[in-house]
Amino acid sequence: MLRKKEARVIITFHTTTAAMQTEALFRRQGQEGRLIPVPREITAGCGLAWSAPPACKDTLTAQLREANIAIEEIYELVI
């Protein structure tokens, strides 16, 4: 059965280390989302991205800034 496509915020990273730090941070914070392979519509440095509902975008970016975790780009896609 095919999964229904939905809008997602996709955060990409230059390094795998930053992606793993993000996953650890968001798990501790109880944030919604998960690490995924970078969607084919995007090219990104390390090949991993954080996928979350669009409503989480501002909270996630604020937490990343506060934790001083460098990101590559933020996208909004339907995947």
N, C-alpha and C. Protein backbone atom coordinates (compact mmCIF):
# COMPACT_ATOMS: atom_id res chain seq x y z
N MET A 1 0.84 -1.18 0.00
CA MET A 1 0.00 0.00 0.00
C MET A 1 0.89 1.25 0.00
N LEU A 2 0.57 2.20 -0.83
CA LEU A 2 1.34 3.43 -0.91
C LEU A 2 1.03 4.36 0.24
N ARG A 3 2.07 5.02 0.71
CA ARG A 3 1.91 5.98 1.79
C ARG A 3 1.38 7.28 1.20
N LYS A 4 0.45 7.91 1.90
CA LYS A 4 -0.12 9.18 1.46
C LYS A 4 0.92 10.28 1.58
N LYS A 5 1.08 11.09 0.53
CA LYS A 5 2.03 12.20 0.57
C LYS A 5 1.49 13.30 1.46
N GLU A 6 2.42 13.96 2.17
CA GLU A 6 2.02 15.04 3.06
C GLU A 6 3.10 16.11 3.09
N ALA A 7 2.72 17.31 3.49
CA ALA A 7 3.67 18.41 3.61
C ALA A 7 4.61 18.14 4.78
N ARG A 8 5.89 18.41 4.56
CA ARG A 8 6.90 18.20 5.60
C ARG A 8 7.93 19.33 5.53
N VAL A 9 8.48 19.66 6.67
CA VAL A 9 9.66 20.51 6.73
C VAL A 9 10.86 19.57 6.69
N ILE A 10 11.80 19.86 5.81
CA ILE A 10 12.99 19.05 5.65
C ILE A 10 14.20 19.92 5.98
N ILE A 11 14.97 19.50 6.98
CA ILE A 11 16.17 20.23 7.38
C ILE A 11 17.37 19.39 6.96
N THR A 12 18.25 19.97 6.15
CA THR A 12 19.43 19.25 5.68
C THR A 12 20.68 19.74 6.40
N PHE A 13 21.72 18.90 6.35
CA PHE A 13 22.95 19.16 7.09
C PHE A 13 24.16 18.97 6.21
N HIS A 14 25.23 19.69 6.53
CA HIS A 14 26.50 19.52 5.83
C HIS A 14 27.20 18.24 6.26
N THR A 15 27.00 17.85 7.54
CA THR A 15 27.73 16.70 8.09
C THR A 15 26.79 15.71 8.76
N THR A 16 27.23 14.46 8.77
CA THR A 16 26.48 13.42 9.49
C THR A 16 26.46 13.71 10.98
N THR A 17 27.55 14.27 11.49
CA THR A 17 27.62 14.62 12.92
C THR A 17 26.50 15.58 13.30
N ALA A 18 26.27 16.61 12.49
CA ALA A 18 25.20 17.57 12.78
C ALA A 18 23.83 16.89 12.72
N ALA A 19 23.64 15.97 11.79
CA ALA A 19 22.37 15.25 11.69
C ALA A 19 22.14 14.41 12.95
N MET A 20 23.18 13.73 13.42
CA MET A 20 23.06 12.90 14.61
C MET A 20 22.85 13.75 15.87
N GLN A 21 23.52 14.89 15.95
CA GLN A 21 23.31 15.81 17.08
C GLN A 21 21.87 16.31 17.09
N THR A 22 21.34 16.58 15.91
CA THR A 22 19.95 17.04 15.81
C THR A 22 18.99 15.97 16.30
N GLU A 23 19.22 14.74 15.85
CA GLU A 23 18.35 13.65 16.29
C GLU A 23 18.39 13.51 17.82
N ALA A 24 19.57 13.54 18.40
CA ALA A 24 19.69 13.41 19.86
C ALA A 24 18.99 14.57 20.57
N LEU A 25 19.19 15.78 20.08
CA LEU A 25 18.56 16.96 20.68
C LEU A 25 17.04 16.85 20.62
N PHE A 26 16.50 16.57 19.44
CA PHE A 26 15.04 16.54 19.28
C PHE A 26 14.42 15.37 20.02
N ARG A 27 15.11 14.26 20.16
CA ARG A 27 14.59 13.14 20.96
C ARG A 27 14.51 13.56 22.44
N ARG A 28 15.58 14.21 22.94
CA ARG A 28 15.56 14.68 24.34
C ARG A 28 14.43 15.68 24.56
N GLN A 29 14.18 16.53 23.57
CA GLN A 29 13.15 17.58 23.67
C GLN A 29 11.74 17.03 23.41
N GLY A 30 11.64 15.80 22.93
CA GLY A 30 10.33 15.22 22.62
C GLY A 30 9.71 15.80 21.35
N GLN A 31 10.56 16.28 20.45
CA GLN A 31 10.06 16.88 19.21
C GLN A 31 9.58 15.81 18.23
N GLU A 32 8.59 16.19 17.47
CA GLU A 32 8.06 15.32 16.44
C GLU A 32 9.02 15.32 15.24
N GLY A 33 9.12 14.18 14.57
CA GLY A 33 9.94 14.09 13.38
C GLY A 33 10.92 12.94 13.47
N ARG A 34 11.73 12.80 12.38
CA ARG A 34 12.71 11.71 12.34
C ARG A 34 13.75 12.00 11.27
N LEU A 35 14.90 11.32 11.40
CA LEU A 35 15.92 11.40 10.37
C LEU A 35 15.49 10.54 9.18
N ILE A 36 15.72 11.07 7.98
CA ILE A 36 15.38 10.35 6.76
C ILE A 36 16.53 10.53 5.76
N PRO A 37 16.59 9.69 4.75
CA PRO A 37 17.51 9.98 3.64
C PRO A 37 17.03 11.26 2.95
N VAL A 38 17.94 12.06 2.46
CA VAL A 38 17.54 13.30 1.78
C VAL A 38 16.67 12.94 0.57
N PRO A 39 15.48 13.56 0.46
CA PRO A 39 14.63 13.29 -0.71
C PRO A 39 15.36 13.61 -2.01
N ARG A 40 15.02 12.90 -3.06
CA ARG A 40 15.73 13.06 -4.33
C ARG A 40 15.54 14.44 -4.96
N GLU A 41 14.52 15.18 -4.54
CA GLU A 41 14.31 16.54 -5.05
C GLU A 41 15.37 17.52 -4.55
N ILE A 42 16.13 17.10 -3.55
CA ILE A 42 17.10 17.97 -2.88
C ILE A 42 18.49 17.32 -2.99
N THR A 43 19.51 18.14 -3.09
CA THR A 43 20.87 17.62 -2.92
C THR A 43 21.41 18.22 -1.62
N ALA A 44 22.03 17.39 -0.82
CA ALA A 44 22.55 17.86 0.47
C ALA A 44 23.84 17.15 0.80
N GLY A 45 24.63 17.82 1.62
CA GLY A 45 25.97 17.36 1.96
C GLY A 45 26.08 15.95 2.48
N CYS A 46 25.38 15.61 3.56
CA CYS A 46 25.65 14.34 4.22
C CYS A 46 24.68 13.23 3.84
N GLY A 47 23.60 13.54 3.15
CA GLY A 47 22.65 12.51 2.76
C GLY A 47 21.56 12.24 3.77
N LEU A 48 21.59 12.91 4.93
CA LEU A 48 20.54 12.75 5.95
C LEU A 48 19.82 14.07 6.15
N ALA A 49 18.54 13.97 6.51
CA ALA A 49 17.74 15.17 6.75
C ALA A 49 16.75 14.87 7.88
N TRP A 50 16.32 15.92 8.55
CA TRP A 50 15.28 15.79 9.57
C TRP A 50 13.96 16.15 8.91
N SER A 51 12.97 15.30 9.07
CA SER A 51 11.64 15.51 8.51
C SER A 51 10.65 15.68 9.65
N ALA A 52 9.84 16.75 9.57
CA ALA A 52 8.87 17.05 10.63
C ALA A 52 7.66 17.75 10.02
N PRO A 53 6.55 17.82 10.75
CA PRO A 53 5.39 18.56 10.27
C PRO A 53 5.71 20.05 10.13
N PRO A 54 5.12 20.72 9.15
CA PRO A 54 5.40 22.15 8.93
C PRO A 54 5.15 23.02 10.15
N ALA A 55 4.22 22.68 10.99
CA ALA A 55 3.91 23.48 12.17
C ALA A 55 5.08 23.54 13.16
N CYS A 56 6.02 22.62 13.05
CA CYS A 56 7.16 22.56 13.97
C CYS A 56 8.33 23.43 13.53
N LYS A 57 8.30 23.99 12.34
CA LYS A 57 9.45 24.66 11.74
C LYS A 57 10.09 25.70 12.66
N ASP A 58 9.32 26.64 13.18
CA ASP A 58 9.89 27.72 14.00
C ASP A 58 10.52 27.18 15.28
N THR A 59 9.86 26.24 15.93
CA THR A 59 10.39 25.66 17.16
C THR A 59 11.69 24.91 16.90
N LEU A 60 11.70 24.11 15.83
CA LEU A 60 12.90 23.33 15.51
C LEU A 60 14.08 24.24 15.18
N THR A 61 13.85 25.25 14.37
CA THR A 61 14.96 26.13 13.99
C THR A 61 15.48 26.90 15.21
N ALA A 62 14.60 27.30 16.10
CA ALA A 62 15.03 28.00 17.32
C ALA A 62 15.88 27.07 18.20
N GLN A 63 15.47 25.82 18.33
CA GLN A 63 16.22 24.87 19.15
C GLN A 63 17.59 24.57 18.53
N LEU A 64 17.65 24.46 17.21
CA LEU A 64 18.94 24.23 16.54
C LEU A 64 19.87 25.42 16.74
N ARG A 65 19.33 26.61 16.62
CA ARG A 65 20.13 27.83 16.81
C ARG A 65 20.66 27.88 18.24
N GLU A 66 19.78 27.60 19.20
CA GLU A 66 20.17 27.64 20.61
C GLU A 66 21.24 26.59 20.93
N ALA A 67 21.15 25.42 20.29
CA ALA A 67 22.11 24.34 20.53
C ALA A 67 23.37 24.51 19.67
N ASN A 68 23.37 25.54 18.83
CA ASN A 68 24.53 25.84 17.97
C ASN A 68 24.85 24.68 17.03
N ILE A 69 23.80 24.07 16.46
CA ILE A 69 23.95 23.00 15.48
C ILE A 69 23.78 23.61 14.10
N ALA A 70 24.82 23.46 13.28
CA ALA A 70 24.80 24.04 11.93
C ALA A 70 23.94 23.21 10.99
N ILE A 71 23.07 23.89 10.25
CA ILE A 71 22.26 23.21 9.24
C ILE A 71 22.68 23.71 7.87
N GLU A 72 22.28 22.98 6.86
CA GLU A 72 22.57 23.38 5.48
C GLU A 72 21.43 24.23 4.95
N GLU A 73 20.20 23.69 4.97
CA GLU A 73 19.05 24.38 4.40
C GLU A 73 17.76 23.85 5.02
N ILE A 74 16.69 24.64 4.91
CA ILE A 74 15.36 24.21 5.33
C ILE A 74 14.45 24.28 4.12
N TYR A 75 13.73 23.20 3.88
CA TYR A 75 12.80 23.11 2.75
C TYR A 75 11.41 22.77 3.26
N GLU A 76 10.41 23.12 2.48
CA GLU A 76 9.06 22.64 2.72
C GLU A 76 8.65 21.89 1.47
N LEU A 77 8.41 20.58 1.62
CA LEU A 77 8.09 19.71 0.49
C LEU A 77 6.88 18.86 0.80
N VAL A 78 6.26 18.36 -0.26
CA VAL A 78 5.24 17.33 -0.10
C VAL A 78 5.89 16.03 -0.50
N ILE A 79 6.07 15.16 0.49
CA ILE A 79 6.74 13.87 0.24
C ILE A 79 5.92 12.73 0.80
